[in-house]
Structures are given as structure tokens and as C-alpha cells.
Amino acid sequence: MKMRRSLEQIREEVGPVAWSVRVSRREAGLSQEDLARHAGVGLRFVRELEQGKTTLRLDKVQQVLQFFGQELGVVALPEDRR
């Protein structure tokens, strides 16, 4: 029997950027296709981003985030996470 994953488990699996994009897109009432069109990226890129793919082009990630008024930044890690 297949167990359903909790939202917290999914968030941890895909990472904070992917989760932020997914939540922002859904809150805006957009499909992945809509987001791709409005942000000027491909549908495949949006799908891979939301799935947490780790080897995406940073400029395109920024492009999607900027559509939602967000951006990537550098944050110092606490000692216990280094």
C-alpha cells in the first residue's frame, strides 16, 4: 500500500526554492503552463524547478522568482549546518 507524503515531506524533498515557486504559483492561480509563459521560460523548466532539480540555470531561476517579486540571495549558514 502506497502512503501519502505530507506537505512537509514534499517541501523537504524539493527544497525551499522549488517549494516557494510551487506555493507562489498556486496562490496566484496559475498553471505551470501559465507560469512558463508569463515568466518567459519553458514548461519543462518550470516542471523541473518545482520538482527540485538541482542543476538548473540560475538566470532562469531568478527570472521565475522575479515574476513573483522574489530573488535568490546568499545567507550564512549556522555553525551546525556547515
N, C-alpha and C. Protein backbone atom coordinates (compact mmCIF):
# COMPACT_ATOMS: atom_id res chain seq x y z
N MET A 1 0.84 -1.17 0.00
CA MET A 1 0.00 0.00 0.00
C MET A 1 0.89 1.24 0.00
N LYS A 2 0.57 2.20 -0.87
CA LYS A 2 1.35 3.41 -1.00
C LYS A 2 0.89 4.44 0.03
N MET A 3 1.84 5.00 0.79
CA MET A 3 1.49 6.02 1.78
C MET A 3 1.63 7.40 1.16
N ARG A 4 0.69 8.28 1.49
CA ARG A 4 0.76 9.66 1.01
C ARG A 4 1.81 10.42 1.80
N ARG A 5 2.56 11.24 1.08
CA ARG A 5 3.56 12.08 1.74
C ARG A 5 2.88 13.33 2.28
N SER A 6 3.37 13.82 3.39
CA SER A 6 2.83 15.06 3.95
C SER A 6 3.42 16.24 3.17
N LEU A 7 2.77 17.38 3.30
CA LEU A 7 3.30 18.59 2.65
C LEU A 7 4.70 18.91 3.15
N GLU A 8 4.94 18.68 4.42
CA GLU A 8 6.27 18.92 5.00
C GLU A 8 7.31 18.01 4.35
N GLN A 9 6.98 16.76 4.13
CA GLN A 9 7.91 15.83 3.48
C GLN A 9 8.21 16.28 2.05
N ILE A 10 7.18 16.71 1.34
CA ILE A 10 7.38 17.17 -0.03
C ILE A 10 8.27 18.41 -0.04
N ARG A 11 7.99 19.34 0.87
CA ARG A 11 8.79 20.57 0.95
C ARG A 11 10.26 20.25 1.20
N GLU A 12 10.52 19.32 2.09
CA GLU A 12 11.90 18.93 2.39
C GLU A 12 12.56 18.25 1.20
N GLU A 13 11.80 17.47 0.45
CA GLU A 13 12.34 16.76 -0.70
C GLU A 13 12.72 17.70 -1.84
N VAL A 14 11.88 18.69 -2.11
CA VAL A 14 12.13 19.55 -3.27
C VAL A 14 13.00 20.75 -2.94
N GLY A 15 13.06 21.16 -1.69
CA GLY A 15 13.89 22.29 -1.28
C GLY A 15 13.12 23.59 -1.25
N PRO A 16 13.69 24.60 -0.61
CA PRO A 16 12.97 25.86 -0.37
C PRO A 16 12.64 26.66 -1.63
N VAL A 17 13.51 26.65 -2.61
CA VAL A 17 13.24 27.44 -3.82
C VAL A 17 12.09 26.81 -4.61
N ALA A 18 12.18 25.51 -4.82
CA ALA A 18 11.12 24.80 -5.55
C ALA A 18 9.79 24.95 -4.82
N TRP A 19 9.82 24.83 -3.51
CA TRP A 19 8.59 24.94 -2.73
C TRP A 19 8.01 26.35 -2.84
N SER A 20 8.85 27.35 -2.75
CA SER A 20 8.39 28.73 -2.86
C SER A 20 7.73 29.00 -4.21
N VAL A 21 8.33 28.50 -5.27
CA VAL A 21 7.77 28.69 -6.61
C VAL A 21 6.43 27.97 -6.71
N ARG A 22 6.37 26.75 -6.24
CA ARG A 22 5.13 25.96 -6.31
C ARG A 22 4.00 26.65 -5.54
N VAL A 23 4.29 27.07 -4.32
CA VAL A 23 3.26 27.73 -3.49
C VAL A 23 2.84 29.06 -4.12
N SER A 24 3.81 29.85 -4.57
CA SER A 24 3.50 31.14 -5.18
C SER A 24 2.65 30.97 -6.44
N ARG A 25 2.98 29.98 -7.24
CA ARG A 25 2.22 29.73 -8.46
C ARG A 25 0.78 29.35 -8.14
N ARG A 26 0.62 28.47 -7.18
CA ARG A 26 -0.73 28.03 -6.82
C ARG A 26 -1.53 29.17 -6.19
N GLU A 27 -0.89 29.97 -5.35
CA GLU A 27 -1.58 31.11 -4.74
C GLU A 27 -2.02 32.12 -5.80
N ALA A 28 -1.24 32.22 -6.87
CA ALA A 28 -1.58 33.14 -7.97
C ALA A 28 -2.62 32.54 -8.91
N GLY A 29 -2.98 31.29 -8.68
CA GLY A 29 -3.97 30.63 -9.52
C GLY A 29 -3.47 30.31 -10.91
N LEU A 30 -2.17 30.08 -11.04
CA LEU A 30 -1.56 29.81 -12.34
C LEU A 30 -1.26 28.33 -12.51
N SER A 31 -1.40 27.85 -13.73
CA SER A 31 -0.93 26.51 -14.06
C SER A 31 0.58 26.62 -14.33
N GLN A 32 1.22 25.49 -14.44
CA GLN A 32 2.64 25.52 -14.79
C GLN A 32 2.82 26.13 -16.17
N GLU A 33 1.90 25.85 -17.07
CA GLU A 33 1.96 26.41 -18.42
C GLU A 33 1.85 27.94 -18.38
N ASP A 34 0.92 28.44 -17.56
CA ASP A 34 0.75 29.89 -17.41
C ASP A 34 2.02 30.54 -16.89
N LEU A 35 2.60 29.94 -15.85
CA LEU A 35 3.82 30.49 -15.26
C LEU A 35 4.94 30.53 -16.29
N ALA A 36 5.11 29.45 -17.02
CA ALA A 36 6.16 29.41 -18.04
C ALA A 36 6.00 30.54 -19.03
N ARG A 37 4.79 30.74 -19.49
CA ARG A 37 4.52 31.79 -20.47
C ARG A 37 4.78 33.18 -19.88
N HIS A 38 4.25 33.44 -18.70
CA HIS A 38 4.39 34.77 -18.08
C HIS A 38 5.83 35.08 -17.66
N ALA A 39 6.56 34.06 -17.23
CA ALA A 39 7.93 34.28 -16.76
C ALA A 39 8.95 34.19 -17.90
N GLY A 40 8.50 33.75 -19.08
CA GLY A 40 9.40 33.69 -20.22
C GLY A 40 10.37 32.52 -20.20
N VAL A 41 9.93 31.41 -19.62
CA VAL A 41 10.75 30.20 -19.60
C VAL A 41 9.92 29.05 -20.16
N GLY A 42 10.54 27.92 -20.36
CA GLY A 42 9.83 26.77 -20.91
C GLY A 42 9.06 26.00 -19.85
N LEU A 43 8.04 25.29 -20.29
CA LEU A 43 7.24 24.47 -19.39
C LEU A 43 8.11 23.41 -18.71
N ARG A 44 8.99 22.79 -19.46
CA ARG A 44 9.88 21.77 -18.88
C ARG A 44 10.71 22.37 -17.75
N PHE A 45 11.18 23.60 -17.95
CA PHE A 45 11.98 24.26 -16.91
C PHE A 45 11.15 24.43 -15.64
N VAL A 46 9.91 24.90 -15.76
CA VAL A 46 9.06 25.10 -14.59
C VAL A 46 8.83 23.77 -13.88
N ARG A 47 8.56 22.73 -14.63
CA ARG A 47 8.33 21.41 -14.02
C ARG A 47 9.57 20.94 -13.27
N GLU A 48 10.73 21.07 -13.90
CA GLU A 48 11.97 20.64 -13.24
C GLU A 48 12.27 21.48 -12.02
N LEU A 49 12.02 22.76 -12.08
CA LEU A 49 12.24 23.64 -10.94
C LEU A 49 11.36 23.23 -9.78
N GLU A 50 10.08 23.02 -10.03
CA GLU A 50 9.16 22.64 -8.96
C GLU A 50 9.44 21.24 -8.42
N GLN A 51 10.09 20.41 -9.20
CA GLN A 51 10.45 19.06 -8.73
C GLN A 51 11.76 19.06 -7.95
N GLY A 52 12.42 20.21 -7.89
CA GLY A 52 13.64 20.33 -7.10
C GLY A 52 14.91 19.92 -7.81
N LYS A 53 14.90 19.92 -9.14
CA LYS A 53 16.12 19.58 -9.89
C LYS A 53 17.22 20.55 -9.47
N THR A 54 18.40 20.02 -9.22
CA THR A 54 19.49 20.84 -8.65
C THR A 54 20.43 21.43 -9.69
N THR A 55 20.26 21.10 -10.95
CA THR A 55 21.18 21.59 -11.98
C THR A 55 20.46 22.46 -13.00
N LEU A 56 19.77 23.46 -12.51
CA LEU A 56 19.05 24.38 -13.38
C LEU A 56 19.85 25.66 -13.59
N ARG A 57 19.58 26.36 -14.67
CA ARG A 57 20.25 27.63 -14.94
C ARG A 57 19.79 28.68 -13.95
N LEU A 58 20.74 29.27 -13.27
CA LEU A 58 20.46 30.25 -12.23
C LEU A 58 19.73 31.47 -12.77
N ASP A 59 20.08 31.91 -13.98
CA ASP A 59 19.42 33.09 -14.54
C ASP A 59 17.93 32.83 -14.77
N LYS A 60 17.59 31.61 -15.15
CA LYS A 60 16.18 31.29 -15.37
C LYS A 60 15.44 31.13 -14.04
N VAL A 61 16.12 30.58 -13.04
CA VAL A 61 15.51 30.51 -11.71
C VAL A 61 15.18 31.92 -11.24
N GLN A 62 16.13 32.83 -11.39
CA GLN A 62 15.91 34.23 -10.99
C GLN A 62 14.75 34.83 -11.77
N GLN A 63 14.65 34.52 -13.02
CA GLN A 63 13.58 35.03 -13.87
C GLN A 63 12.21 34.63 -13.33
N VAL A 64 12.08 33.37 -12.93
CA VAL A 64 10.82 32.88 -12.37
C VAL A 64 10.56 33.55 -11.03
N LEU A 65 11.57 33.60 -10.18
CA LEU A 65 11.40 34.22 -8.86
C LEU A 65 11.01 35.69 -8.99
N GLN A 66 11.63 36.41 -9.91
CA GLN A 66 11.32 37.82 -10.10
C GLN A 66 9.87 38.02 -10.52
N PHE A 67 9.31 37.09 -11.24
CA PHE A 67 7.90 37.18 -11.62
C PHE A 67 7.03 37.28 -10.37
N PHE A 68 7.44 36.61 -9.29
CA PHE A 68 6.69 36.63 -8.03
C PHE A 68 7.23 37.68 -7.05
N GLY A 69 8.15 38.52 -7.50
CA GLY A 69 8.71 39.55 -6.61
C GLY A 69 9.69 38.98 -5.61
N GLN A 70 10.37 37.91 -5.98
CA GLN A 70 11.34 37.26 -5.11
C GLN A 70 12.69 37.21 -5.80
N GLU A 71 13.73 36.92 -5.03
CA GLU A 71 15.06 36.72 -5.62
C GLU A 71 15.88 35.81 -4.73
N LEU A 72 16.90 35.20 -5.31
CA LEU A 72 17.83 34.38 -4.54
C LEU A 72 18.84 35.28 -3.85
N GLY A 73 19.33 34.84 -2.73
CA GLY A 73 20.34 35.60 -2.02
C GLY A 73 21.28 34.67 -1.28
N VAL A 74 22.36 35.22 -0.81
CA VAL A 74 23.35 34.46 -0.05
C VAL A 74 23.06 34.66 1.44
N VAL A 75 22.99 33.54 2.15
CA VAL A 75 22.73 33.57 3.58
C VAL A 75 23.78 32.72 4.27
N ALA A 76 24.38 33.26 5.32
CA ALA A 76 25.37 32.49 6.07
C ALA A 76 24.68 31.36 6.82
N LEU A 77 25.28 30.18 6.75
CA LEU A 77 24.75 29.02 7.46
C LEU A 77 25.18 29.05 8.92
N PRO A 78 24.32 28.58 9.80
CA PRO A 78 24.74 28.46 11.19
C PRO A 78 25.86 27.42 11.30
N GLU A 79 26.65 27.50 12.34
CA GLU A 79 27.80 26.60 12.52
C GLU A 79 27.42 25.13 12.41
N ASP A 80 26.28 24.75 12.95
CA ASP A 80 25.91 23.33 12.94
C ASP A 80 25.48 22.81 11.57
N ARG A 81 25.36 23.67 10.58
CA ARG A 81 24.99 23.23 9.23
C ARG A 81 26.13 23.36 8.23
N ARG A 82 27.30 23.68 8.71
CA ARG A 82 28.45 23.84 7.80
C ARG A 82 29.19 22.54 7.63
